[in-house]
N, C-alpha and C. Protein backbone atom coordinates (compact mmCIF):
# COMPACT_ATOMS: atom_id res chain seq x y z
N UNK A 1 135.60 75.93 106.14
CA UNK A 1 134.20 75.25 105.47
C UNK A 1 133.13 75.99 106.17
N UNK A 2 132.28 75.97 106.22
CA UNK A 2 130.84 77.10 106.63
C UNK A 2 130.99 77.10 108.07
N UNK A 3 130.52 78.24 108.37
CA UNK A 3 130.61 78.51 110.26
C UNK A 3 129.32 78.66 110.75
N UNK A 4 128.43 79.20 109.42
CA UNK A 4 126.58 78.98 110.24
C UNK A 4 125.89 80.15 108.85
N UNK A 5 124.80 79.83 109.24
CA UNK A 5 123.68 80.11 108.03
C UNK A 5 123.69 82.01 108.10
N UNK A 6 124.19 82.46 107.30
CA UNK A 6 124.24 84.08 107.36
C UNK A 6 122.83 84.54 107.46
N UNK A 7 122.34 83.94 106.04
CA UNK A 7 120.66 84.63 106.18
C UNK A 7 120.28 84.06 105.27
N UNK A 8 118.93 83.75 105.13
CA UNK A 8 117.74 83.25 104.49
C UNK A 8 117.05 84.15 103.66
N UNK A 9 117.09 83.83 102.56
CA UNK A 9 115.94 84.89 101.70
C UNK A 9 115.27 84.51 100.43
N UNK A 10 114.32 85.32 99.96
CA UNK A 10 112.88 85.02 99.37
C UNK A 10 113.42 85.55 98.00
N UNK A 11 112.73 85.14 96.84
CA UNK A 11 112.73 85.98 95.49
C UNK A 11 111.45 86.58 95.78
N UNK A 12 111.13 88.31 95.33
CA UNK A 12 110.09 88.49 95.53
C UNK A 12 109.96 89.49 94.14
N UNK A 13 108.66 89.55 93.51
CA UNK A 13 108.55 90.60 92.43
C UNK A 13 108.12 91.93 92.83
N UNK A 14 107.48 92.30 93.57
CA UNK A 14 107.00 93.58 93.64
C UNK A 14 107.43 93.48 95.19
N UNK A 15 108.89 94.13 95.36
CA UNK A 15 109.43 94.87 96.43
C UNK A 15 108.51 95.69 97.61
N UNK A 16 107.60 96.87 97.02
CA UNK A 16 106.69 97.71 97.94
C UNK A 16 105.71 96.50 98.62
N UNK A 17 105.03 95.60 97.41
CA UNK A 17 104.03 94.78 98.28
C UNK A 17 104.81 93.65 99.18
N UNK A 18 105.87 93.61 98.88
CA UNK A 18 106.42 92.10 99.63
C UNK A 18 107.20 92.79 101.06
N UNK A 19 107.20 94.12 100.87
CA UNK A 19 108.04 94.50 102.53
C UNK A 19 106.77 94.97 103.07
N UNK A 20 105.51 95.65 102.61
CA UNK A 20 104.28 95.78 103.30
C UNK A 20 104.07 94.43 104.18
N UNK A 21 103.93 93.26 103.55
CA UNK A 21 103.67 91.87 103.76
C UNK A 21 104.17 91.70 105.30
N UNK A 22 105.21 91.59 105.08
CA UNK A 22 106.25 90.83 105.62
C UNK A 22 106.83 92.30 107.31
N UNK A 23 106.20 93.61 107.07
CA UNK A 23 106.20 94.81 107.98
C UNK A 23 105.14 94.52 108.52
N UNK A 24 103.99 94.79 107.91
CA UNK A 24 102.77 95.53 108.31
C UNK A 24 102.22 93.91 108.94
N UNK A 25 102.11 93.24 108.13
CA UNK A 25 101.39 91.83 108.18
C UNK A 25 102.28 90.99 108.99
N UNK A 26 103.25 90.56 109.08
CA UNK A 26 104.19 89.51 110.20
C UNK A 26 104.95 90.81 111.26
N UNK A 27 104.88 91.98 110.66
CA UNK A 27 105.51 92.83 111.93
C UNK A 27 107.19 92.87 112.07
N UNK A 28 107.62 92.47 110.94
CA UNK A 28 109.12 92.47 111.03
C UNK A 28 109.50 93.68 111.03
N UNK A 29 110.69 94.08 111.58
CA UNK A 29 111.42 95.37 111.67
C UNK A 29 112.40 95.39 110.86
N UNK A 30 112.65 96.18 109.57
CA UNK A 30 113.43 95.88 108.27
C UNK A 30 114.77 96.43 109.30
N UNK A 31 115.77 96.34 108.59
CA UNK A 31 117.19 96.46 108.99
C UNK A 31 117.49 97.40 107.50
N UNK A 32 118.49 96.50 107.35
CA UNK A 32 119.43 97.25 106.18
C UNK A 32 118.56 97.16 104.62
N UNK A 33 118.60 97.95 103.74
CA UNK A 33 117.53 97.92 102.87
C UNK A 33 118.05 99.07 101.66
N UNK A 34 117.67 98.48 100.53
CA UNK A 34 117.47 99.01 99.09
C UNK A 34 116.36 98.99 98.24
N UNK A 35 116.33 99.40 97.23
CA UNK A 35 115.06 99.31 96.32
C UNK A 35 114.67 98.00 95.94
N UNK A 36 115.88 96.97 96.08
CA UNK A 36 115.89 95.45 95.58
C UNK A 36 116.21 94.49 96.74
N UNK A 37 116.47 95.47 98.01
CA UNK A 37 116.61 94.16 99.04
C UNK A 37 116.27 94.70 100.43
N UNK A 38 115.56 93.51 101.36
CA UNK A 38 115.66 94.05 103.12
C UNK A 38 115.71 93.00 103.12
N UNK A 39 116.34 93.36 104.77
CA UNK A 39 116.76 92.29 105.35
C UNK A 39 116.24 92.56 106.90
N UNK A 40 115.70 91.45 107.75
CA UNK A 40 114.91 91.35 108.87
C UNK A 40 115.69 90.56 110.06
N UNK A 41 116.62 91.19 111.01
CA UNK A 41 117.27 90.63 112.07
C UNK A 41 116.06 90.29 113.04
N UNK A 42 115.84 88.73 113.34
CA UNK A 42 114.68 88.59 114.01
C UNK A 42 115.31 88.42 115.17
N UNK A 43 114.09 88.93 116.26
CA UNK A 43 114.60 89.15 117.61
C UNK A 43 115.09 87.98 118.60
N UNK A 44 114.93 86.35 117.96
CA UNK A 44 115.62 85.47 118.55
C UNK A 44 117.12 85.05 118.05
N UNK A 45 117.26 85.78 116.76
CA UNK A 45 118.85 85.37 116.11
C UNK A 45 118.04 84.83 114.59
N UNK A 46 118.89 85.50 113.85
CA UNK A 46 118.94 84.79 112.39
C UNK A 46 118.80 86.00 111.68
N UNK A 47 118.79 86.21 110.21
CA UNK A 47 118.18 87.36 109.28
C UNK A 47 117.24 86.63 108.28
N UNK A 48 116.75 87.17 107.81
CA UNK A 48 115.60 86.75 106.62
C UNK A 48 115.26 88.26 105.84
N UNK A 49 115.99 87.76 104.47
CA UNK A 49 115.95 88.80 103.42
C UNK A 49 115.10 88.79 102.72
N UNK A 50 114.66 89.44 101.77
CA UNK A 50 113.92 89.10 100.56
C UNK A 50 114.52 90.50 99.53
N UNK A 51 114.39 89.74 98.20
CA UNK A 51 115.09 90.33 96.81
C UNK A 51 114.62 90.49 95.88
N UNK A 52 114.55 91.45 95.12
CA UNK A 52 114.39 91.49 93.29
C UNK A 52 115.76 90.92 92.66
N UNK A 53 116.74 90.98 93.13
CA UNK A 53 118.07 90.47 92.55
C UNK A 53 118.13 89.42 92.11
N UNK A 54 117.60 88.41 92.69
CA UNK A 54 117.61 87.01 92.27
C UNK A 54 117.30 86.70 90.98
N UNK A 55 118.12 87.16 89.52
CA UNK A 55 117.82 86.79 88.25
C UNK A 55 117.47 85.46 88.10
N UNK A 56 116.30 85.00 87.36
CA UNK A 56 116.05 83.86 87.19
C UNK A 56 115.17 82.61 88.13
N UNK A 57 114.92 83.72 89.41
CA UNK A 57 114.74 83.00 90.49
C UNK A 57 112.91 83.68 90.58
N UNK A 58 112.13 82.65 90.55
CA UNK A 58 110.52 83.47 91.04
C UNK A 58 109.84 82.69 92.53
N UNK A 59 109.37 83.71 92.82
CA UNK A 59 108.77 83.04 93.80
C UNK A 59 108.03 81.57 93.68
N UNK A 60 107.97 81.08 94.58
CA UNK A 60 106.94 79.46 94.10
C UNK A 60 106.65 78.85 95.41
N UNK A 61 105.55 78.45 95.37
CA UNK A 61 104.82 77.74 96.83
C UNK A 61 105.27 75.93 96.55
N UNK A 62 105.68 75.90 95.37
CA UNK A 62 105.99 74.28 95.10
C UNK A 62 107.53 73.72 94.60
N UNK A 63 108.57 75.14 95.08
CA UNK A 63 110.00 75.00 94.76
C UNK A 63 110.95 74.60 94.98
N UNK A 64 110.62 73.99 96.47
CA UNK A 64 111.93 74.15 97.02
C UNK A 64 111.67 74.06 98.85
N UNK A 65 112.48 74.68 99.02
CA UNK A 65 112.85 75.08 100.54
C UNK A 65 111.93 75.72 101.45
N UNK A 66 111.36 76.20 102.77
CA UNK A 66 110.70 76.90 103.17
C UNK A 66 111.57 77.57 104.37
N UNK A 67 111.15 78.86 105.08
CA UNK A 67 111.77 79.33 105.70
C UNK A 67 111.10 79.34 107.37
N UNK A 68 111.48 78.87 108.27
CA UNK A 68 110.81 78.44 109.04
C UNK A 68 110.49 79.54 110.72
N UNK A 69 109.68 80.15 111.00
CA UNK A 69 109.89 81.37 111.81
C UNK A 69 109.19 80.86 113.19
N UNK A 70 109.78 80.83 114.33
CA UNK A 70 109.56 80.16 115.52
C UNK A 70 108.60 81.13 116.39
N UNK A 71 107.45 80.87 116.89
CA UNK A 71 106.45 81.65 117.38
C UNK A 71 105.90 80.82 118.29
N UNK A 72 105.26 82.11 119.47
CA UNK A 72 104.40 81.43 120.28
C UNK A 72 102.78 81.57 119.96
N UNK A 73 102.23 81.44 120.64
CA UNK A 73 100.92 81.39 120.35
C UNK A 73 100.57 80.77 119.00
N UNK A 74 101.03 79.92 118.20
CA UNK A 74 100.59 79.29 117.02
C UNK A 74 99.17 79.77 116.35
N UNK A 75 98.07 78.98 117.12
CA UNK A 75 96.94 78.51 116.45
C UNK A 75 96.59 80.28 116.28
N UNK A 76 96.79 80.80 117.38
CA UNK A 76 95.97 82.50 117.14
C UNK A 76 96.70 83.06 116.54
N UNK A 77 97.82 83.09 116.15
CA UNK A 77 98.72 83.34 115.19
C UNK A 77 98.42 83.50 113.64
N UNK A 78 97.76 82.05 113.61
CA UNK A 78 97.42 81.57 111.97
C UNK A 78 96.14 82.23 111.94
N UNK A 79 95.18 82.03 112.99
CA UNK A 79 93.74 82.79 112.69
C UNK A 79 93.98 84.27 112.41
N UNK A 80 94.75 85.11 113.29
CA UNK A 80 94.79 86.27 112.68
C UNK A 80 95.65 86.43 111.59
N UNK A 81 96.26 85.61 111.23
CA UNK A 81 96.86 85.92 110.09
C UNK A 81 95.96 85.42 108.55
N UNK A 82 94.87 84.63 108.82
CA UNK A 82 94.45 84.54 108.00
C UNK A 82 92.78 85.20 107.89
N UNK A 83 92.82 86.00 109.07
CA UNK A 83 91.40 87.27 108.99
C UNK A 83 92.35 88.27 108.25
N UNK A 84 93.38 88.62 107.94
CA UNK A 84 93.94 89.61 107.21
C UNK A 84 94.49 89.17 105.77
N UNK A 85 93.95 87.70 105.32
CA UNK A 85 94.27 87.23 104.00
C UNK A 85 95.03 87.07 103.24
N UNK A 86 95.70 86.17 104.48
CA UNK A 86 96.88 85.52 103.97
C UNK A 86 96.20 84.15 104.17
N UNK A 87 97.10 83.56 102.77
CA UNK A 87 96.69 81.89 102.75
C UNK A 87 97.78 80.90 103.60
N UNK A 88 96.56 80.13 104.18
CA UNK A 88 96.93 78.92 104.76
C UNK A 88 96.88 77.66 104.16
N UNK A 89 98.13 77.24 103.57
CA UNK A 89 98.49 76.28 102.73
C UNK A 89 98.09 74.68 103.61
N UNK A 90 98.88 74.81 104.88
CA UNK A 90 99.05 73.67 105.54
C UNK A 90 98.19 73.74 107.12
N UNK A 91 96.92 73.65 107.42
CA UNK A 91 96.59 73.87 108.58
C UNK A 91 97.45 73.41 109.67
N UNK A 92 97.76 73.84 111.09
CA UNK A 92 98.20 73.45 112.07
C UNK A 92 98.51 71.83 112.19
N UNK A 93 99.69 71.43 112.27
CA UNK A 93 99.79 70.11 112.09
C UNK A 93 100.60 69.92 113.85
N UNK A 94 100.43 68.95 114.35
CA UNK A 94 101.10 68.13 115.52
C UNK A 94 101.89 67.42 115.56
N UNK A 95 103.49 67.42 115.72
CA UNK A 95 104.63 66.28 115.53
C UNK A 95 105.11 65.85 117.06
N UNK A 96 105.62 64.93 117.27
CA UNK A 96 106.04 64.78 118.77
C UNK A 96 106.91 65.97 119.31
N UNK A 97 107.33 66.90 118.68
CA UNK A 97 108.02 67.95 119.46
C UNK A 97 107.55 69.34 118.80
N UNK A 98 106.78 69.42 117.95
CA UNK A 98 105.94 70.94 118.03
C UNK A 98 104.44 70.72 117.39
N UNK A 99 104.42 72.07 117.27
CA UNK A 99 103.20 72.33 115.97
C UNK A 99 103.69 73.14 114.86
N UNK A 100 103.00 73.01 114.15
CA UNK A 100 103.62 73.71 112.44
C UNK A 100 102.19 74.15 111.73
N UNK A 101 102.05 75.02 110.78
CA UNK A 101 101.32 75.30 109.89
C UNK A 101 102.04 76.03 108.71
N UNK A 102 101.85 76.00 107.52
CA UNK A 102 102.67 76.63 106.24
C UNK A 102 101.61 77.67 105.74
N UNK A 103 102.08 78.74 105.63
CA UNK A 103 101.27 80.25 105.17
C UNK A 103 102.34 80.48 104.00
N UNK A 104 101.45 81.26 102.99
CA UNK A 104 101.77 81.58 101.75
C UNK A 104 102.04 83.35 102.01
N UNK A 105 103.22 83.74 101.59
CA UNK A 105 103.43 85.39 101.66
C UNK A 105 102.70 85.95 100.11
N UNK A 106 102.90 87.33 99.99
CA UNK A 106 101.99 88.10 99.70
C UNK A 106 102.52 87.85 97.86
N UNK A 107 104.17 87.26 98.07
CA UNK A 107 104.52 86.88 96.70
C UNK A 107 104.60 85.53 96.19
N UNK A 108 103.82 84.41 97.12
CA UNK A 108 103.87 83.23 96.54
C UNK A 108 104.79 82.29 96.91
N UNK A 109 105.45 83.01 98.13
CA UNK A 109 106.74 82.06 98.85
C UNK A 109 105.63 81.28 99.74
N UNK A 110 106.16 80.38 100.42
CA UNK A 110 105.77 79.46 101.77
C UNK A 110 106.70 79.90 102.59
N UNK A 111 105.80 80.15 103.85
CA UNK A 111 106.91 80.39 105.18
C UNK A 111 105.94 79.27 106.19
N UNK A 112 106.83 78.38 106.83
CA UNK A 112 106.40 77.86 108.17
C UNK A 112 106.19 78.56 109.28
N UNK A 113 105.38 78.44 110.18
CA UNK A 113 104.89 79.11 111.59
C UNK A 113 105.43 77.86 112.60
N UNK A 114 106.10 77.67 113.50
CA UNK A 114 106.83 76.72 114.26
C UNK A 114 106.57 76.86 115.59
N UNK A 115 105.80 76.12 116.65
CA UNK A 115 106.09 76.42 117.96
C UNK A 115 106.27 74.79 118.49
N UNK A 116 107.59 75.10 119.39
CA UNK A 116 107.94 74.08 120.25
C UNK A 116 107.08 73.89 121.04
N UNK A 117 106.84 72.35 121.64
CA UNK A 117 106.26 72.04 123.10
C UNK A 117 107.24 72.24 123.58
N UNK A 118 106.42 72.14 125.34
CA UNK A 118 107.78 72.62 126.12
C UNK A 118 107.90 71.15 126.41
N UNK A 119 109.17 71.18 127.30
CA UNK A 119 110.10 69.85 127.20
C UNK A 119 109.35 69.51 128.87
N UNK A 120 109.38 67.94 128.85
CA UNK A 120 108.80 67.21 129.81
C UNK A 120 109.42 67.24 130.88
């Protein structure tokens, strides 16, 4: 049976542009990579990948799942990314347990920035 989520990946059209977005704009450190694949081991755990190998799949802000990245300083980060030209699809919203916002990467994929509220 399933043991864990091994990684999450998004299809990309332009690997150079996508890597620049994730590495320079979001500050991810690249791990294993090739001309068609790049993966990023996240500091708190988990692995996120981007690839041109997902035949028949194209980036889309309306096609389904969204990866959520846990952050500190959510509002400030959203404003910093907006100033760099990153599209904010959903402004910061508050839920009973967190704050979150949805942004769009260089390829048209959505990603969620998430910040848990301190436990009472």
